[in-house]
């Protein structure tokens, strides 16, 4: 199974992605054959800071679980109001 095929299963999930020129925490929006769309989260403010389009062959590492990811999910979830 190719990485992109596996990432397709995790669209709209929070994760850490490391690619050739950087690595960030964020939310995977779209995983396609030629690129992925990734909303980067500023870990200090828990706000989305930018959207990055990464060529799929440049992805080096993906972390879907772990303590840091759980902390980000908890902090983002605490900002969601009942009205949303």
C-alpha atoms as a PDB file:
ATOM      1  CA  UNK A   1       0.000   0.000   0.000  1.00  0.00           C
ATOM      2  CA  UNK A   2       1.295   3.453  -0.889  1.00  0.00           C
ATOM      3  CA  UNK A   3       1.527   6.235   1.694  1.00  0.00           C
ATOM      4  CA  UNK A   4      -0.977   8.414  -0.172  1.00  0.00           C
ATOM      5  CA  UNK A   5      -3.534   5.603  -0.189  1.00  0.00           C
ATOM      6  CA  UNK A   6      -3.156   5.241   3.578  1.00  0.00           C
ATOM      7  CA  UNK A   7      -3.330   9.008   4.139  1.00  0.00           C
ATOM      8  CA  UNK A   8      -6.643   9.067   2.259  1.00  0.00           C
ATOM      9  CA  UNK A   9      -8.105   7.143   5.226  1.00  0.00           C
ATOM     10  CA  UNK A  10      -7.012   9.915   7.603  1.00  0.00           C
ATOM     11  CA  UNK A  11      -8.423  12.986   5.832  1.00  0.00           C
ATOM     12  CA  UNK A  12      -9.832  15.567   8.288  1.00  0.00           C
ATOM     13  CA  UNK A  13      -7.634  14.204  11.111  1.00  0.00           C
ATOM     14  CA  UNK A  14      -4.970  15.985  13.139  1.00  0.00           C
ATOM     15  CA  UNK A  15      -1.397  14.782  12.693  1.00  0.00           C
ATOM     16  CA  UNK A  16       2.254  15.700  12.372  1.00  0.00           C
ATOM     17  CA  UNK A  17       3.745  15.605   8.884  1.00  0.00           C
ATOM     18  CA  UNK A  18       7.440  15.934   8.113  1.00  0.00           C
ATOM     19  CA  UNK A  19       8.403  16.669   4.523  1.00  0.00           C
ATOM     20  CA  UNK A  20      11.617  17.527   2.690  1.00  0.00           C
ATOM     21  CA  UNK A  21      11.743  21.190   3.743  1.00  0.00           C
ATOM     22  CA  UNK A  22       9.864  21.209   7.054  1.00  0.00           C
ATOM     23  CA  UNK A  23       7.486  19.570   9.452  1.00  0.00           C
ATOM     24  CA  UNK A  24       4.350  20.814  11.177  1.00  0.00           C
ATOM     25  CA  UNK A  25       1.310  19.818  13.209  1.00  0.00           C
ATOM     26  CA  UNK A  26      -2.026  20.318  11.536  1.00  0.00           C
ATOM     27  CA  UNK A  27      -5.091  18.853   9.910  1.00  0.00           C
ATOM     28  CA  UNK A  28      -4.979  16.819   6.717  1.00  0.00           C
ATOM     29  CA  UNK A  29      -7.610  18.230   4.373  1.00  0.00           C
ATOM     30  CA  UNK A  30      -6.988  16.285   1.168  1.00  0.00           C
ATOM     31  CA  UNK A  31      -4.675  13.461   0.085  1.00  0.00           C
ATOM     32  CA  UNK A  32      -4.260  12.983  -3.651  1.00  0.00           C
ATOM     33  CA  UNK A  33      -1.841  11.227  -5.967  1.00  0.00           C
ATOM     34  CA  UNK A  34       0.215  14.332  -6.752  1.00  0.00           C
ATOM     35  CA  UNK A  35      -0.174  16.483  -3.597  1.00  0.00           C
ATOM     36  CA  UNK A  36      -1.743  16.729  -0.164  1.00  0.00           C
ATOM     37  CA  UNK A  37      -3.478  19.774   1.330  1.00  0.00           C
ATOM     38  CA  UNK A  38      -2.536  20.377   4.958  1.00  0.00           C
ATOM     39  CA  UNK A  39      -3.749  23.127   7.319  1.00  0.00           C
ATOM     40  CA  UNK A  40      -0.881  24.006   9.653  1.00  0.00           C
ATOM     41  CA  UNK A  41      -1.712  24.771  13.297  1.00  0.00           C
ATOM     42  CA  UNK A  42       0.332  27.252  15.307  1.00  0.00           C
ATOM     43  CA  UNK A  43       0.892  25.217  18.501  1.00  0.00           C
ATOM     44  CA  UNK A  44       1.172  28.384  20.623  1.00  0.00           C
ATOM     45  CA  UNK A  45      -2.238  29.840  19.701  1.00  0.00           C
ATOM     46  CA  UNK A  46      -3.967  26.675  18.373  1.00  0.00           C
ATOM     47  CA  UNK A  47      -5.127  28.662  15.330  1.00  0.00           C
ATOM     48  CA  UNK A  48      -4.614  27.656  11.714  1.00  0.00           C
ATOM     49  CA  UNK A  49      -1.636  29.620  10.461  1.00  0.00           C
ATOM     50  CA  UNK A  50      -1.462  28.543   6.815  1.00  0.00           C
ATOM     51  CA  UNK A  51      -2.487  25.965   4.251  1.00  0.00           C
ATOM     52  CA  UNK A  52       0.358  24.010   2.674  1.00  0.00           C
ATOM     53  CA  UNK A  53       0.222  21.968  -0.530  1.00  0.00           C
ATOM     54  CA  UNK A  54       2.911  19.297  -0.366  1.00  0.00           C
ATOM     55  CA  UNK A  55       3.952  17.086  -3.262  1.00  0.00           C
ATOM     56  CA  UNK A  56       3.296  13.516  -2.165  1.00  0.00           C
ATOM     57  CA  UNK A  57       6.822  12.203  -2.977  1.00  0.00           C
ATOM     58  CA  UNK A  58       8.315  14.790  -0.562  1.00  0.00           C
ATOM     59  CA  UNK A  59       6.554  13.401   2.533  1.00  0.00           C
ATOM     60  CA  UNK A  60       9.086  11.740   4.812  1.00  0.00           C
ATOM     61  CA  UNK A  61       7.141  10.981   7.997  1.00  0.00           C
ATOM     62  CA  UNK A  62       3.586  11.053   9.332  1.00  0.00           C
ATOM     63  CA  UNK A  63       2.598  10.767  13.014  1.00  0.00           C
ATOM     64  CA  UNK A  64      -1.114  10.212  13.525  1.00  0.00           C
ATOM     65  CA  UNK A  65      -1.178   9.415  17.245  1.00  0.00           C
ATOM     66  CA  UNK A  66       0.845  10.214  20.331  1.00  0.00           C
ATOM     67  CA  UNK A  67       0.850  12.595  23.267  1.00  0.00           C
ATOM     68  CA  UNK A  68       1.457  15.752  21.212  1.00  0.00           C
ATOM     69  CA  UNK A  69      -1.369  14.952  18.797  1.00  0.00           C
ATOM     70  CA  UNK A  70      -3.741  14.205  21.701  1.00  0.00           C
ATOM     71  CA  UNK A  71      -2.845  17.543  23.313  1.00  0.00           C
ATOM     72  CA  UNK A  72      -3.573  19.418  20.088  1.00  0.00           C
ATOM     73  CA  UNK A  73      -6.900  17.620  19.645  1.00  0.00           C
ATOM     74  CA  UNK A  74      -7.871  18.419  23.253  1.00  0.00           C
ATOM     75  CA  UNK A  75      -6.951  22.096  22.938  1.00  0.00           C
ATOM     76  CA  UNK A  76      -8.686  22.540  19.579  1.00  0.00           C
ATOM     77  CA  UNK A  77     -11.765  20.720  20.912  1.00  0.00           C
ATOM     78  CA  UNK A  78     -11.901  22.989  23.968  1.00  0.00           C
ATOM     79  CA  UNK A  79     -12.162  26.000  21.647  1.00  0.00           C
ATOM     80  CA  UNK A  80     -15.257  24.616  19.913  1.00  0.00           C
ATOM     81  CA  UNK A  81     -18.347  26.285  21.303  1.00  0.00           C
ATOM     82  CA  UNK A  82     -21.651  24.534  21.826  1.00  0.00           C
ATOM     83  CA  UNK A  83     -23.206  26.794  19.194  1.00  0.00           C
ATOM     84  CA  UNK A  84     -20.918  25.426  16.411  1.00  0.00           C
END
